[in-house]
N, C-alpha and C. Protein backbone atom coordinates (compact mmCIF):
# COMPACT_ATOMS: atom_id res chain seq x y z
N MET A 1 0.85 -1.14 -0.03
CA MET A 1 0.00 0.00 -0.02
C MET A 1 0.87 1.23 0.04
N ILE A 2 0.48 2.20 -0.79
CA ILE A 2 1.23 3.46 -0.83
C ILE A 2 0.28 4.63 -0.68
N ASN A 3 0.51 5.45 0.31
CA ASN A 3 -0.28 6.59 0.56
C ASN A 3 -1.75 6.24 0.71
N GLY A 4 -2.10 5.10 1.29
CA GLY A 4 -3.41 4.64 1.46
C GLY A 4 -4.07 3.92 0.33
N TYR A 5 -3.30 3.77 -0.81
CA TYR A 5 -3.88 3.14 -1.98
C TYR A 5 -3.31 1.67 -2.08
N ARG A 6 -4.16 0.70 -2.18
CA ARG A 6 -3.72 -0.65 -2.41
C ARG A 6 -3.25 -0.80 -3.78
N ILE A 7 -2.28 -1.66 -3.93
CA ILE A 7 -1.66 -1.96 -5.26
C ILE A 7 -2.16 -3.31 -5.72
N ILE A 8 -2.58 -3.38 -6.99
CA ILE A 8 -3.16 -4.61 -7.54
C ILE A 8 -2.47 -4.89 -8.85
N THR A 9 -2.07 -6.13 -9.09
CA THR A 9 -1.40 -6.48 -10.36
C THR A 9 -2.38 -7.32 -11.16
N LEU A 10 -2.58 -6.99 -12.43
CA LEU A 10 -3.43 -7.68 -13.29
C LEU A 10 -2.70 -8.87 -13.92
N CYS A 11 -3.39 -10.01 -13.89
CA CYS A 11 -2.83 -11.25 -14.52
C CYS A 11 -3.88 -11.82 -15.46
N GLY A 12 -3.40 -12.56 -16.45
CA GLY A 12 -4.39 -13.18 -17.42
C GLY A 12 -3.74 -13.24 -18.76
N SER A 13 -4.48 -13.85 -19.66
CA SER A 13 -4.01 -14.04 -21.03
C SER A 13 -3.98 -12.64 -21.74
N THR A 14 -2.93 -12.40 -22.45
CA THR A 14 -2.81 -11.11 -23.17
C THR A 14 -3.72 -11.05 -24.41
N ARG A 15 -4.41 -12.08 -24.71
CA ARG A 15 -5.39 -12.06 -25.78
C ARG A 15 -6.62 -11.28 -25.36
N PHE A 16 -6.71 -11.00 -24.13
CA PHE A 16 -7.91 -10.22 -23.61
C PHE A 16 -7.57 -8.70 -23.31
N ARG A 17 -6.94 -8.07 -24.39
CA ARG A 17 -6.51 -6.71 -24.21
C ARG A 17 -7.62 -5.81 -23.73
N ASP A 18 -8.78 -5.90 -24.35
CA ASP A 18 -9.86 -5.01 -24.04
C ASP A 18 -10.35 -5.24 -22.61
N ALA A 19 -10.41 -6.48 -22.15
CA ALA A 19 -10.80 -6.81 -20.77
C ALA A 19 -9.75 -6.27 -19.75
N PHE A 20 -8.41 -6.33 -20.14
CA PHE A 20 -7.43 -5.76 -19.32
C PHE A 20 -7.63 -4.25 -19.14
N MET A 21 -7.90 -3.60 -20.28
CA MET A 21 -8.06 -2.11 -20.27
C MET A 21 -9.27 -1.72 -19.37
N GLU A 22 -10.34 -2.52 -19.49
CA GLU A 22 -11.57 -2.27 -18.77
C GLU A 22 -11.31 -2.49 -17.21
N ALA A 23 -10.59 -3.58 -16.88
CA ALA A 23 -10.30 -3.85 -15.52
C ALA A 23 -9.43 -2.80 -14.92
N GLN A 24 -8.41 -2.35 -15.71
CA GLN A 24 -7.47 -1.29 -15.23
C GLN A 24 -8.28 0.00 -14.96
N LYS A 25 -9.14 0.31 -15.81
CA LYS A 25 -10.00 1.55 -15.63
C LYS A 25 -10.84 1.40 -14.40
N ARG A 26 -11.59 0.33 -14.25
CA ARG A 26 -12.51 0.09 -13.21
C ARG A 26 -11.78 0.11 -11.83
N LEU A 27 -10.65 -0.65 -11.77
CA LEU A 27 -9.93 -0.75 -10.48
C LEU A 27 -9.25 0.59 -10.15
N THR A 28 -8.81 1.38 -11.15
CA THR A 28 -8.26 2.67 -10.85
C THR A 28 -9.32 3.60 -10.28
N LEU A 29 -10.55 3.55 -10.82
CA LEU A 29 -11.63 4.33 -10.25
C LEU A 29 -12.09 3.85 -8.88
N GLU A 30 -11.77 2.64 -8.62
CA GLU A 30 -12.13 2.14 -7.24
C GLU A 30 -10.97 2.53 -6.23
N GLY A 31 -9.90 3.18 -6.72
CA GLY A 31 -8.85 3.68 -5.86
C GLY A 31 -7.64 2.81 -5.70
N TYR A 32 -7.49 1.86 -6.64
CA TYR A 32 -6.29 1.06 -6.62
C TYR A 32 -5.15 1.63 -7.52
N ILE A 33 -3.93 1.33 -7.18
CA ILE A 33 -2.77 1.58 -8.01
C ILE A 33 -2.70 0.29 -8.86
N VAL A 34 -2.86 0.37 -10.16
CA VAL A 34 -2.95 -0.86 -11.00
C VAL A 34 -1.58 -1.09 -11.73
N ILE A 35 -1.10 -2.26 -11.65
CA ILE A 35 0.11 -2.67 -12.37
C ILE A 35 -0.40 -3.71 -13.40
N SER A 36 -0.04 -3.55 -14.64
CA SER A 36 -0.51 -4.39 -15.66
C SER A 36 0.66 -5.02 -16.48
N VAL A 37 0.28 -5.71 -17.54
CA VAL A 37 1.28 -6.26 -18.42
C VAL A 37 1.85 -5.17 -19.31
N GLY A 38 3.08 -5.37 -19.73
CA GLY A 38 3.73 -4.35 -20.53
C GLY A 38 3.52 -4.52 -22.03
N LEU A 39 3.26 -5.77 -22.47
CA LEU A 39 3.04 -6.10 -23.90
C LEU A 39 1.82 -7.02 -23.99
N PHE A 40 1.14 -6.97 -25.10
CA PHE A 40 0.03 -7.94 -25.29
C PHE A 40 0.40 -8.84 -26.47
N GLY A 41 1.24 -9.83 -26.12
CA GLY A 41 1.77 -10.73 -27.17
C GLY A 41 0.71 -11.50 -28.00
N HIS A 42 -0.43 -11.81 -27.38
CA HIS A 42 -1.45 -12.52 -28.11
C HIS A 42 -2.41 -11.56 -28.80
N SER A 43 -2.11 -10.25 -28.71
CA SER A 43 -3.00 -9.22 -29.34
C SER A 43 -2.19 -8.31 -30.16
N GLY A 44 -1.08 -8.74 -30.73
CA GLY A 44 -0.39 -7.92 -31.74
C GLY A 44 0.97 -7.42 -31.36
N ASP A 45 1.37 -7.41 -30.15
CA ASP A 45 2.69 -6.99 -29.77
C ASP A 45 3.69 -8.13 -30.00
N ASN A 46 4.16 -8.19 -31.21
CA ASN A 46 5.00 -9.33 -31.72
C ASN A 46 6.32 -9.40 -30.95
N GLU A 47 6.83 -8.36 -30.31
CA GLU A 47 8.06 -8.38 -29.60
C GLU A 47 7.95 -9.42 -28.49
N ALA A 48 6.77 -9.66 -27.95
CA ALA A 48 6.54 -10.62 -26.83
C ALA A 48 6.64 -12.04 -27.29
N LEU A 49 6.63 -12.30 -28.61
CA LEU A 49 6.70 -13.66 -29.12
C LEU A 49 8.06 -14.25 -29.16
N ASP A 50 9.09 -13.42 -29.04
CA ASP A 50 10.52 -13.88 -29.00
C ASP A 50 10.66 -14.69 -27.66
N LYS A 51 11.25 -15.89 -27.72
CA LYS A 51 11.34 -16.78 -26.54
C LYS A 51 12.08 -16.08 -25.42
N LYS A 52 13.21 -15.43 -25.73
CA LYS A 52 14.02 -14.79 -24.65
C LYS A 52 13.22 -13.67 -24.05
N THR A 53 12.54 -12.89 -24.87
CA THR A 53 11.68 -11.84 -24.34
C THR A 53 10.52 -12.26 -23.54
N LYS A 54 9.92 -13.37 -23.95
CA LYS A 54 8.84 -13.96 -23.20
C LYS A 54 9.23 -14.38 -21.82
N LEU A 55 10.39 -15.06 -21.74
CA LEU A 55 10.90 -15.51 -20.45
C LEU A 55 11.21 -14.35 -19.54
N MET A 56 11.73 -13.26 -20.11
CA MET A 56 11.99 -12.02 -19.36
C MET A 56 10.70 -11.38 -18.85
N LEU A 57 9.66 -11.33 -19.72
CA LEU A 57 8.38 -10.77 -19.35
C LEU A 57 7.69 -11.58 -18.26
N ASP A 58 7.78 -12.89 -18.34
CA ASP A 58 7.23 -13.77 -17.32
C ASP A 58 7.89 -13.58 -15.98
N ASP A 59 9.17 -13.49 -15.98
CA ASP A 59 9.97 -13.23 -14.76
C ASP A 59 9.60 -11.90 -14.15
N MET A 60 9.56 -10.86 -15.03
CA MET A 60 9.22 -9.54 -14.60
C MET A 60 7.82 -9.46 -13.96
N HIS A 61 6.92 -10.24 -14.52
CA HIS A 61 5.50 -10.21 -14.01
C HIS A 61 5.53 -10.76 -12.59
N LEU A 62 6.33 -11.70 -12.31
CA LEU A 62 6.40 -12.18 -10.89
C LEU A 62 6.83 -11.07 -9.98
N SER A 63 7.86 -10.17 -10.43
CA SER A 63 8.22 -9.02 -9.67
C SER A 63 7.05 -8.06 -9.41
N LYS A 64 6.24 -7.94 -10.49
CA LYS A 64 5.08 -7.07 -10.37
C LYS A 64 4.10 -7.62 -9.23
N ILE A 65 3.97 -8.88 -9.26
CA ILE A 65 3.16 -9.54 -8.22
C ILE A 65 3.74 -9.25 -6.76
N ASP A 66 5.09 -9.34 -6.73
CA ASP A 66 5.81 -9.07 -5.45
C ASP A 66 5.38 -7.60 -4.97
N MET A 67 5.32 -6.67 -5.92
CA MET A 67 5.08 -5.30 -5.52
C MET A 67 3.66 -5.04 -5.10
N ALA A 68 2.78 -5.97 -5.41
CA ALA A 68 1.31 -5.74 -5.23
C ALA A 68 0.87 -6.26 -3.86
N ASP A 69 -0.28 -5.69 -3.47
CA ASP A 69 -0.98 -6.23 -2.26
C ASP A 69 -1.83 -7.41 -2.62
N GLU A 70 -2.30 -7.48 -3.87
CA GLU A 70 -3.14 -8.56 -4.31
C GLU A 70 -3.08 -8.61 -5.85
N ILE A 71 -3.68 -9.68 -6.42
CA ILE A 71 -3.70 -9.76 -7.89
C ILE A 71 -5.18 -9.88 -8.31
N PHE A 72 -5.44 -9.47 -9.55
CA PHE A 72 -6.73 -9.54 -10.19
C PHE A 72 -6.55 -10.28 -11.46
N VAL A 73 -7.23 -11.40 -11.57
CA VAL A 73 -7.10 -12.29 -12.75
C VAL A 73 -8.16 -11.93 -13.77
N VAL A 74 -7.72 -11.52 -14.95
CA VAL A 74 -8.59 -11.23 -16.06
C VAL A 74 -8.82 -12.56 -16.79
N ASN A 75 -9.88 -13.34 -16.26
CA ASN A 75 -10.14 -14.65 -16.79
C ASN A 75 -11.38 -14.58 -17.64
N GLN A 76 -11.38 -13.79 -18.72
CA GLN A 76 -12.55 -13.65 -19.62
C GLN A 76 -13.00 -15.05 -20.10
N GLY A 77 -14.32 -15.30 -20.02
CA GLY A 77 -14.83 -16.57 -20.44
C GLY A 77 -14.37 -17.75 -19.61
N GLY A 78 -13.79 -17.41 -18.40
CA GLY A 78 -13.30 -18.40 -17.47
C GLY A 78 -11.96 -18.97 -17.79
N TYR A 79 -11.31 -18.40 -18.85
CA TYR A 79 -10.02 -18.94 -19.37
C TYR A 79 -8.85 -18.55 -18.42
N ILE A 80 -8.16 -19.53 -18.03
CA ILE A 80 -6.86 -19.41 -17.25
C ILE A 80 -5.84 -20.32 -17.89
N GLY A 81 -4.85 -19.72 -18.50
CA GLY A 81 -3.80 -20.49 -19.17
C GLY A 81 -2.70 -20.87 -18.26
N GLU A 82 -1.69 -21.54 -18.84
CA GLU A 82 -0.58 -22.05 -18.07
C GLU A 82 0.21 -20.97 -17.34
N SER A 83 0.52 -19.87 -18.04
CA SER A 83 1.28 -18.79 -17.36
C SER A 83 0.48 -18.12 -16.23
N THR A 84 -0.79 -17.90 -16.49
CA THR A 84 -1.65 -17.32 -15.48
C THR A 84 -1.78 -18.27 -14.29
N SER A 85 -1.97 -19.51 -14.53
CA SER A 85 -2.03 -20.47 -13.41
C SER A 85 -0.81 -20.43 -12.55
N ARG A 86 0.36 -20.28 -13.19
CA ARG A 86 1.66 -20.21 -12.45
C ARG A 86 1.62 -18.92 -11.63
N GLU A 87 1.19 -17.81 -12.23
CA GLU A 87 1.14 -16.51 -11.44
C GLU A 87 0.18 -16.59 -10.30
N ILE A 88 -0.97 -17.27 -10.45
CA ILE A 88 -1.89 -17.43 -9.40
C ILE A 88 -1.27 -18.18 -8.19
N GLU A 89 -0.60 -19.30 -8.53
CA GLU A 89 0.01 -20.14 -7.52
C GLU A 89 1.13 -19.31 -6.85
N TYR A 90 1.89 -18.58 -7.59
CA TYR A 90 2.95 -17.75 -7.02
C TYR A 90 2.36 -16.73 -6.05
N ALA A 91 1.27 -16.03 -6.45
CA ALA A 91 0.68 -15.07 -5.60
C ALA A 91 0.13 -15.70 -4.30
N LYS A 92 -0.43 -16.89 -4.46
CA LYS A 92 -0.92 -17.62 -3.23
C LYS A 92 0.21 -18.02 -2.33
N SER A 93 1.32 -18.37 -2.92
CA SER A 93 2.49 -18.83 -2.11
C SER A 93 3.10 -17.62 -1.34
N CYS A 94 2.82 -16.37 -1.84
CA CYS A 94 3.23 -15.18 -1.18
C CYS A 94 2.15 -14.59 -0.29
N ASN A 95 1.05 -15.35 -0.09
CA ASN A 95 -0.06 -14.93 0.77
C ASN A 95 -0.75 -13.66 0.19
N LYS A 96 -0.81 -13.56 -1.11
CA LYS A 96 -1.46 -12.40 -1.76
C LYS A 96 -2.90 -12.81 -2.09
N PRO A 97 -3.91 -12.01 -1.72
CA PRO A 97 -5.27 -12.25 -2.16
C PRO A 97 -5.38 -12.33 -3.64
N VAL A 98 -6.23 -13.22 -4.16
CA VAL A 98 -6.47 -13.37 -5.60
C VAL A 98 -7.98 -13.08 -5.90
N ARG A 99 -8.20 -12.15 -6.79
CA ARG A 99 -9.61 -11.84 -7.17
C ARG A 99 -9.66 -12.18 -8.65
N TYR A 100 -10.89 -12.46 -9.13
CA TYR A 100 -11.15 -12.87 -10.46
C TYR A 100 -12.17 -12.00 -11.18
N LEU A 101 -11.98 -11.74 -12.45
CA LEU A 101 -13.01 -11.09 -13.23
C LEU A 101 -14.27 -11.90 -13.23
N GLU A 102 -14.15 -13.16 -13.53
CA GLU A 102 -15.31 -14.04 -13.55
C GLU A 102 -15.12 -15.14 -12.48
N ILE A 103 -16.19 -15.54 -11.92
CA ILE A 103 -16.16 -16.56 -10.80
C ILE A 103 -15.58 -17.83 -11.27
N VAL A 104 -14.62 -18.43 -10.50
CA VAL A 104 -14.03 -19.69 -10.88
C VAL A 104 -14.62 -20.81 -10.05
């Protein structure tokens, strides 16, 4: 928490760019500091498709979870992929609350 604002990191498949943007907007208006993904590899940011870059981004996202008070999973249509599952388990192992866009 910084200056009374909770920090939340968005997790989920980057194919859901619009859902990420909507969640970021809604959570910001609710008073959260929102940390999101830097690239949308499944939505046109081709730089994220390079294997070395993908590994770096995955590792960096765990650091974003470390900085947060909780995570918010953008699981549009109930979809949770392998990377997101790993991030959820990591957040839980760090005792971070996990919230979901859609009920799981």
